[in-house]
Amino acid sequence: MSDHQGQLSVLIPVYNEEKYVGDVITRVLALGPMVKEVIVVDDGSIDGTAKVVQGFADHESKVRFHKAAKNQGKTAAIRQALSMAEGEVIIVQDADLEYDPAEIPDVVAPILNRQADVVFGSRFLVRKAARVHYFSHYVANKFLTVFCNCLTNRNMTDIETGYKAFRKEVIKPLILTSKGFGMEVEITAMVCKTKARTYEVPISYYGRAYEEGKKIGFMDGVHALWYIVYYNLFKPLGKAGRAYKKAVNAALTEAKAKAAV
């Protein structure tokens, strides 16, 4: 990884994760020179999350911290983090340890090796360590993924994964407009409208129970159905959707030309 030092921006949206966020940041920083910056956006936490993160930001130059005035959801937090990101490669890392930061190098490797422009960490592709949990979540995830695949004409296995990594040219031009957890569908649908080479890699998943702090619920799944329809069939035809597709395709074409020189 010596040729890829300082290229990675890790975005961490966080809400009321005082118990886990310090461990997550520590594990991300342990990845070493490949990490350019760790951008933590506190989405209006009311516990001690902000104090923990500020402690890291005060003593570690790689940690950048933004605290939102009120809770607006994961999409809003990621929108803010993307506006701050400066790395060539960008990945989202949840703050609850359901995803192991030690696997970040595996997720971003296809991008760093110039094989991919986007990588999804799949919990189902080739199953690694995974806590046995809610069957209803599994069925809902599979249904949403298949439904989205029908509209994108892609063979994704896990569109709702929390591990998504991108070349900056693919994700920075995308102005997220969904709410709550809608970014997972929005990003998938919009990226699939571009020429971006999309890969999946297997990851572990240490899911939490609701009593342990899991936040996604039934209505998030209902909203996802509408988002799948909207961001596949309507948003790409609008001015913003067409501008995004044009900008990404032009940037990827330019990057490919430079790499060939």
Protein backbone atom coordinates (compact mmCIF):
# COMPACT_ATOMS: atom_id res chain seq x y z
CA MET A 1 0.00 0.00 0.00
CA SER A 2 3.06 2.31 0.01
CA ASP A 3 2.03 3.85 -3.32
CA HIS A 4 -1.36 4.77 -1.88
CA GLN A 5 -0.35 6.77 1.16
CA GLY A 6 -2.58 9.66 2.10
CA GLN A 7 -5.27 8.97 -0.49
CA LEU A 8 -8.15 7.83 1.70
CA SER A 9 -10.87 9.93 3.32
CA VAL A 10 -12.95 8.00 5.87
CA LEU A 11 -16.35 9.54 6.55
CA ILE A 12 -17.98 8.65 9.88
CA PRO A 13 -21.58 9.80 10.47
CA VAL A 14 -22.44 9.45 14.14
CA TYR A 15 -25.49 9.85 16.35
CA ASN A 16 -25.51 8.94 20.04
CA GLU A 17 -22.58 6.49 19.80
CA GLU A 18 -20.58 7.60 22.84
CA LYS A 19 -19.85 3.97 23.68
CA TYR A 20 -18.39 2.98 20.32
CA VAL A 21 -17.17 6.02 18.38
CA GLY A 22 -13.80 6.27 20.12
CA ASP A 23 -13.01 2.65 19.30
CA VAL A 24 -14.04 3.17 15.67
CA ILE A 25 -11.81 6.23 15.25
CA THR A 26 -8.89 4.43 16.90
CA ARG A 27 -9.26 1.46 14.55
CA VAL A 28 -9.46 3.69 11.49
CA LEU A 29 -6.35 5.62 12.50
CA ALA A 30 -4.58 2.27 13.02
CA LEU A 31 -4.75 1.76 9.24
CA GLY A 32 -1.78 4.11 9.09
CA PRO A 33 -0.40 6.17 6.20
CA MET A 34 -3.12 5.21 3.70
CA VAL A 35 -5.57 7.36 5.69
CA LYS A 36 -5.44 11.03 4.73
CA GLU A 37 -8.26 12.16 7.00
CA VAL A 38 -11.05 10.93 9.24
CA ILE A 39 -14.10 13.16 8.95
CA VAL A 40 -16.60 12.71 11.77
CA VAL A 41 -19.99 14.41 11.53
CA ASP A 42 -22.05 14.33 14.72
CA ASP A 43 -25.71 14.42 13.69
CA GLY A 44 -26.96 16.27 16.76
CA SER A 45 -26.08 13.68 19.40
CA ILE A 46 -27.47 14.30 22.89
CA ASP A 47 -25.08 12.00 24.76
CA GLY A 48 -21.30 12.37 25.18
CA THR A 49 -20.44 11.55 21.56
CA ALA A 50 -19.26 15.06 20.66
CA LYS A 51 -16.94 15.22 23.66
CA VAL A 52 -15.29 11.93 22.71
CA VAL A 53 -14.77 12.99 19.08
CA GLN A 54 -13.53 16.45 20.02
CA GLY A 55 -10.92 14.80 22.21
CA PHE A 56 -9.53 13.02 19.17
CA ALA A 57 -9.73 16.11 16.96
CA ASP A 58 -7.78 18.16 19.53
CA HIS A 59 -4.84 15.74 19.52
CA GLU A 60 -4.88 14.00 16.12
CA SER A 61 -4.40 16.14 13.01
CA LYS A 62 -6.09 13.59 10.74
CA VAL A 63 -9.39 13.82 12.61
CA ARG A 64 -11.74 16.55 11.40
CA PHE A 65 -14.96 17.14 13.31
CA HIS A 66 -18.25 18.82 12.49
CA LYS A 67 -21.21 18.92 14.88
CA ALA A 68 -24.66 19.52 13.39
CA ALA A 69 -27.03 21.77 15.33
CA LYS A 70 -29.81 19.17 15.22
CA ASN A 71 -30.46 15.60 14.17
CA GLN A 72 -31.21 15.37 10.42
CA GLY A 73 -30.35 11.76 9.60
CA LYS A 74 -27.46 9.82 8.09
CA THR A 75 -27.85 11.28 4.61
CA ALA A 76 -27.46 14.83 5.87
CA ALA A 77 -24.38 13.84 7.86
CA ILE A 78 -22.77 12.24 4.82
CA ARG A 79 -23.67 15.24 2.66
CA GLN A 80 -21.75 17.45 5.10
CA ALA A 81 -18.81 15.03 5.29
CA LEU A 82 -18.55 14.85 1.49
CA SER A 83 -18.31 18.63 1.29
CA MET A 84 -15.28 18.43 3.58
CA ALA A 85 -13.53 15.39 2.02
CA GLU A 86 -10.24 15.95 0.19
CA GLY A 87 -9.00 12.40 -0.46
CA GLU A 88 -8.73 10.69 -3.83
CA VAL A 89 -10.72 7.74 -2.46
CA ILE A 90 -13.67 8.12 -0.10
CA ILE A 91 -15.34 5.47 2.07
CA VAL A 92 -18.18 5.58 4.58
CA GLN A 93 -17.58 3.94 7.97
CA ASP A 94 -20.49 3.60 10.40
CA ALA A 95 -19.74 4.48 14.02
CA ASP A 96 -21.34 1.44 15.67
CA LEU A 97 -18.76 -1.28 14.92
CA GLU A 98 -21.21 -3.34 12.84
CA TYR A 99 -18.49 -3.03 10.19
CA ASP A 100 -14.85 -3.69 11.07
CA PRO A 101 -12.47 -0.86 10.05
CA ALA A 102 -9.70 -3.46 9.63
CA GLU A 103 -11.47 -4.53 6.42
CA ILE A 104 -11.33 -1.07 4.84
CA PRO A 105 -8.12 -1.90 2.89
CA ASP A 106 -9.93 -4.86 1.30
CA VAL A 107 -12.87 -2.68 0.29
CA VAL A 108 -10.82 0.10 -1.28
CA ALA A 109 -8.19 -2.16 -2.89
CA PRO A 110 -9.97 -2.47 -6.28
CA ILE A 111 -10.07 1.33 -6.52
CA LEU A 112 -6.47 1.85 -5.45
CA ASN A 113 -5.42 -0.82 -7.95
CA ARG A 114 -7.35 1.00 -10.70
CA GLN A 115 -9.76 -1.87 -11.28
CA ALA A 116 -12.88 -0.12 -10.01
CA ASP A 117 -14.39 3.32 -9.50
CA VAL A 118 -16.92 2.21 -6.89
CA VAL A 119 -16.82 -0.72 -4.44
CA PHE A 120 -19.62 -2.06 -2.26
CA GLY A 121 -18.75 -4.27 0.70
CA SER A 122 -21.27 -7.10 0.45
CA ARG A 123 -22.50 -9.01 3.49
CA PHE A 124 -23.87 -11.74 1.23
CA LEU A 125 -21.46 -12.14 -1.70
CA VAL A 126 -19.18 -14.69 -0.03
CA ARG A 127 -20.23 -14.81 3.56
CA LYS A 128 -17.52 -13.99 6.08
CA ALA A 129 -18.06 -13.61 9.83
CA ALA A 130 -21.61 -12.45 10.45
CA ARG A 131 -23.71 -12.35 13.59
CA VAL A 132 -26.93 -14.36 13.21
CA HIS A 133 -29.77 -11.86 13.44
CA TYR A 134 -33.19 -10.80 12.20
CA PHE A 135 -34.58 -12.88 9.32
CA SER A 136 -36.98 -10.03 8.53
CA HIS A 137 -34.03 -7.71 7.85
CA TYR A 138 -32.45 -10.30 5.57
CA VAL A 139 -35.65 -10.73 3.55
CA ALA A 140 -36.23 -6.98 3.32
CA ASN A 141 -32.65 -6.36 2.20
CA LYS A 142 -32.85 -9.06 -0.46
CA PHE A 143 -36.17 -7.73 -1.74
CA LEU A 144 -34.91 -4.15 -1.97
CA THR A 145 -31.71 -5.28 -3.69
CA VAL A 146 -33.54 -7.37 -6.29
CA PHE A 147 -36.08 -4.60 -6.91
CA CYS A 148 -33.29 -2.07 -7.40
CA ASN A 149 -31.39 -4.47 -9.68
CA CYS A 150 -34.45 -4.71 -11.92
CA LEU A 151 -34.25 -0.96 -12.51
CA THR A 152 -30.46 -0.59 -12.70
CA ASN A 153 -29.84 -3.80 -14.68
CA ARG A 154 -26.99 -4.64 -12.29
CA ASN A 155 -26.42 -7.84 -10.32
CA MET A 156 -25.70 -6.29 -6.94
CA THR A 157 -26.06 -8.47 -3.84
CA ASP A 158 -26.29 -5.84 -1.08
CA ILE A 159 -27.34 -2.28 -1.94
CA GLU A 160 -28.03 -1.46 1.72
CA THR A 161 -24.47 -2.17 2.85
CA GLY A 162 -22.86 0.46 5.03
CA TYR A 163 -19.49 0.00 3.30
CA LYS A 164 -19.40 1.96 0.06
CA ALA A 165 -16.15 3.32 -1.37
CA PHE A 166 -15.66 5.68 -4.31
CA ARG A 167 -13.17 7.54 -6.42
CA LYS A 168 -13.76 11.18 -5.55
CA GLU A 169 -14.78 11.89 -9.16
CA VAL A 170 -17.80 9.62 -8.73
CA ILE A 171 -19.18 10.71 -5.36
CA LYS A 172 -18.17 14.36 -4.91
CA PRO A 173 -20.43 15.68 -7.72
CA LEU A 174 -23.49 13.90 -6.26
CA ILE A 175 -25.65 16.24 -4.20
CA LEU A 176 -27.61 13.92 -1.93
CA THR A 177 -31.29 14.83 -1.66
CA SER A 178 -32.79 11.84 0.17
CA LYS A 179 -33.41 11.74 3.91
CA GLY A 180 -32.61 9.40 6.80
CA PHE A 181 -31.01 6.20 5.51
CA GLY A 182 -32.08 6.94 1.92
CA MET A 183 -28.54 7.61 0.76
CA GLU A 184 -27.86 3.88 0.31
CA VAL A 185 -30.49 3.65 -2.45
CA GLU A 186 -29.81 7.11 -3.86
CA ILE A 187 -26.10 6.49 -4.28
CA THR A 188 -26.62 3.05 -5.79
CA ALA A 189 -29.18 4.22 -8.32
CA MET A 190 -27.31 7.35 -9.41
CA VAL A 191 -23.90 5.67 -9.66
CA CYS A 192 -25.41 2.95 -11.85
CA LYS A 193 -26.45 5.63 -14.36
CA THR A 194 -22.81 6.50 -14.99
CA LYS A 195 -19.87 4.67 -16.58
CA ALA A 196 -18.37 3.97 -13.16
CA ARG A 197 -16.95 0.47 -12.83
CA THR A 198 -18.67 -1.02 -9.81
CA TYR A 199 -17.31 -3.96 -7.82
CA GLU A 200 -18.38 -5.87 -4.72
CA VAL A 201 -16.08 -7.48 -2.15
CA PRO A 202 -17.09 -9.74 0.76
CA ILE A 203 -17.07 -8.23 4.23
CA SER A 204 -17.86 -9.30 7.79
CA TYR A 205 -20.91 -7.95 9.56
CA TYR A 206 -21.37 -7.69 13.31
CA GLY A 207 -24.97 -6.51 13.44
CA ARG A 208 -26.51 -5.11 16.60
CA ALA A 209 -29.89 -5.82 18.14
CA TYR A 210 -32.32 -2.95 18.78
CA GLU A 211 -31.64 -3.10 22.51
CA GLU A 212 -27.96 -2.57 21.67
CA GLY A 213 -28.67 0.63 19.76
CA LYS A 214 -29.62 -0.43 16.22
CA LYS A 215 -31.50 2.48 14.62
CA ILE A 216 -32.93 1.36 11.26
CA GLY A 217 -36.60 0.36 11.36
CA PHE A 218 -39.63 -0.72 9.34
CA MET A 219 -40.42 2.72 7.93
CA ASP A 220 -36.88 3.03 6.58
CA GLY A 221 -37.66 0.00 4.41
CA VAL A 222 -40.92 1.55 3.22
CA HIS A 223 -39.14 4.78 2.32
CA ALA A 224 -36.48 2.77 0.48
CA LEU A 225 -39.11 1.41 -1.92
CA TRP A 226 -40.07 4.92 -2.97
CA TYR A 227 -36.44 5.98 -3.21
CA ILE A 228 -35.67 3.04 -5.52
CA VAL A 229 -38.41 4.17 -7.90
CA TYR A 230 -37.60 7.87 -7.68
CA TYR A 231 -33.81 7.70 -8.00
CA ASN A 232 -33.91 5.16 -10.81
CA LEU A 233 -36.77 6.47 -12.94
CA PHE A 234 -37.20 10.18 -12.18
CA LYS A 235 -34.12 11.86 -10.70
CA PRO A 236 -31.75 10.78 -13.54
CA LEU A 237 -34.01 12.52 -16.10
CA GLY A 238 -34.00 15.85 -14.28
CA LYS A 239 -31.45 18.64 -14.69
CA ALA A 240 -29.45 17.65 -11.61
CA GLY A 241 -29.42 13.98 -12.56
CA ARG A 242 -28.25 14.67 -16.10
CA ALA A 243 -25.59 17.08 -14.84
CA TYR A 244 -24.29 14.48 -12.38
CA LYS A 245 -24.05 11.78 -15.05
CA LYS A 246 -22.27 14.13 -17.45
CA ALA A 247 -19.79 15.31 -14.83
CA VAL A 248 -18.88 11.81 -13.66
CA ASN A 249 -18.53 10.35 -17.14
CA ALA A 250 -16.33 13.26 -18.24
CA ALA A 251 -14.12 12.95 -15.15
CA LEU A 252 -13.74 9.17 -15.57
CA THR A 253 -12.89 9.54 -19.26
CA GLU A 254 -10.23 12.13 -18.40
CA ALA A 255 -8.80 9.96 -15.63
CA LYS A 256 -8.63 6.97 -17.96
CA ALA A 257 -6.81 9.01 -20.60
CA LYS A 258 -4.24 10.21 -18.05
CA ALA A 259 -3.67 6.69 -16.78
CA ALA A 260 -2.99 5.47 -20.29
CA VAL A 261 -0.23 8.03 -20.87
